[in-house]
Amino acid sequence: MFKTLLASLLALVTAASFAAVDINKATPADLDSIKGIGPSTSSKIIEERKTSPFKAWADLIQRVPGIGDKRAAKLSSEGLTVNGDAFKPTAKPVVEKKPVDKKPAATAVK
């Protein structure tokens, strides 16, 4: 009985250590606990959050310098969420290239 209780308690503590950290509710210490966020980034996040809470990952990426899609994916894999959501990469718009005209340039007739 004691072993079962101890194992359950240990499982609960382990699960709590992997809990997600929501960027809109996290303290500076919570943010610093995420691998990839240091004091500089956490202070930028806190300052931007004072303006208004982050609506989504795209809002975070736009407002906090140094966080792009690649870093957002890494932070999300470490447990950071925005309003409880993990980062989902967005498809970049396809830019069509204009066809190159390979005709020789017309030369002026003298």
Protein backbone atom coordinates (compact mmCIF):
# COMPACT_ATOMS: atom_id res chain seq x y z
CA MET A 1 0.00 0.00 0.00
CA PHE A 2 2.78 2.41 0.93
CA LYS A 3 4.69 1.63 -2.28
CA THR A 4 1.57 2.32 -4.37
CA LEU A 5 0.99 5.63 -2.61
CA LEU A 6 4.63 6.62 -3.03
CA ALA A 7 4.61 5.66 -6.73
CA SER A 8 1.42 7.68 -7.28
CA LEU A 9 2.92 10.70 -5.55
CA LEU A 10 6.10 10.40 -7.61
CA ALA A 11 4.06 10.16 -10.83
CA LEU A 12 2.10 13.27 -9.87
CA VAL A 13 5.26 15.27 -9.16
CA THR A 14 6.82 14.11 -12.44
CA ALA A 15 3.71 15.10 -14.40
CA ALA A 16 3.67 18.52 -12.75
CA SER A 17 7.29 19.14 -13.73
CA PHE A 18 6.35 18.69 -17.41
CA ALA A 19 3.36 21.04 -17.17
CA ALA A 20 2.99 23.61 -19.88
CA VAL A 21 3.84 27.24 -19.20
CA ASP A 22 1.33 29.69 -20.67
CA ILE A 23 3.05 32.86 -21.84
CA ASN A 24 0.18 35.11 -20.73
CA LYS A 25 0.17 33.79 -17.13
CA ALA A 26 3.82 32.95 -16.52
CA THR A 27 6.03 34.74 -14.04
CA PRO A 28 9.57 35.70 -15.10
CA ALA A 29 10.81 32.63 -13.20
CA ASP A 30 8.34 30.40 -15.08
CA LEU A 31 9.57 31.80 -18.39
CA ASP A 32 13.22 31.37 -17.38
CA SER A 33 12.50 27.73 -16.62
CA ILE A 34 11.82 27.11 -20.32
CA LYS A 35 14.97 25.99 -22.11
CA GLY A 36 15.77 28.68 -24.68
CA ILE A 37 14.37 31.63 -22.71
CA GLY A 38 16.77 33.66 -20.62
CA PRO A 39 16.37 36.83 -18.59
CA SER A 40 16.59 39.08 -21.66
CA THR A 41 13.86 37.29 -23.60
CA SER A 42 11.62 36.89 -20.56
CA SER A 43 11.84 40.64 -19.86
CA LYS A 44 10.90 41.40 -23.50
CA ILE A 45 7.92 39.04 -23.21
CA ILE A 46 6.77 40.58 -19.92
CA GLU A 47 7.07 44.14 -21.32
CA GLU A 48 5.05 43.26 -24.43
CA ARG A 49 2.50 41.42 -22.33
CA LYS A 50 1.87 44.60 -20.31
CA THR A 51 0.58 46.22 -23.52
CA SER A 52 -1.89 43.40 -24.12
CA PRO A 53 -1.95 39.61 -23.76
CA PHE A 54 -0.67 37.58 -26.68
CA LYS A 55 -3.56 36.37 -28.83
CA ALA A 56 -1.72 33.59 -30.63
CA TRP A 57 1.75 32.43 -31.62
CA ALA A 58 1.72 34.73 -34.65
CA ASP A 59 1.11 37.69 -32.33
CA LEU A 60 4.05 36.63 -30.12
CA ILE A 61 6.34 36.22 -33.14
CA GLN A 62 5.36 39.64 -34.46
CA ARG A 63 5.75 41.52 -31.17
CA VAL A 64 8.82 39.95 -29.54
CA PRO A 65 12.12 40.48 -31.37
CA GLY A 66 14.25 37.36 -31.68
CA ILE A 67 11.36 34.90 -31.80
CA GLY A 68 10.57 33.50 -35.22
CA ASP A 69 8.94 30.31 -36.45
CA LYS A 70 11.99 28.15 -35.78
CA ARG A 71 12.53 29.41 -32.22
CA ALA A 72 8.79 29.30 -31.50
CA ALA A 73 8.74 25.61 -32.47
CA LYS A 74 11.64 24.91 -30.10
CA LEU A 75 10.05 26.85 -27.23
CA SER A 76 6.76 25.05 -27.78
CA SER A 77 8.50 21.68 -27.65
CA GLU A 78 9.98 22.76 -24.31
CA GLY A 79 6.49 23.40 -22.91
CA LEU A 80 5.65 27.02 -23.77
CA THR A 81 2.07 27.70 -24.87
CA VAL A 82 0.08 30.74 -25.96
CA ASN A 83 -3.44 30.59 -24.53
CA GLY A 84 -2.94 26.86 -23.98
CA ASP A 85 -2.00 26.17 -27.61
CA ALA A 86 1.24 24.65 -28.82
CA PHE A 87 2.97 26.20 -31.83
CA LYS A 88 1.74 25.06 -35.21
CA PRO A 89 3.89 26.21 -38.14
CA THR A 90 2.02 28.25 -40.71
CA ALA A 91 2.38 27.65 -44.40
CA LYS A 92 4.36 30.37 -46.06
CA PRO A 93 2.71 31.90 -49.11
CA VAL A 94 4.04 30.65 -52.40
CA VAL A 95 5.62 33.44 -54.39
CA GLU A 96 5.31 32.92 -58.11
CA LYS A 97 8.30 34.00 -60.12
CA LYS A 98 7.67 35.99 -63.24
CA PRO A 99 8.92 34.28 -66.41
CA VAL A 100 12.15 35.73 -67.68
CA ASP A 101 12.02 37.06 -71.23
CA LYS A 102 15.02 35.54 -72.94
CA LYS A 103 14.72 37.56 -76.14
CA PRO A 104 17.79 39.60 -76.96
CA ALA A 105 17.44 43.27 -76.32
CA ALA A 106 16.61 45.32 -79.38
CA THR A 107 19.51 47.36 -80.62
CA ALA A 108 19.06 50.86 -81.85
CA VAL A 109 19.41 51.30 -85.63
CA LYS A 110 21.77 54.04 -86.71
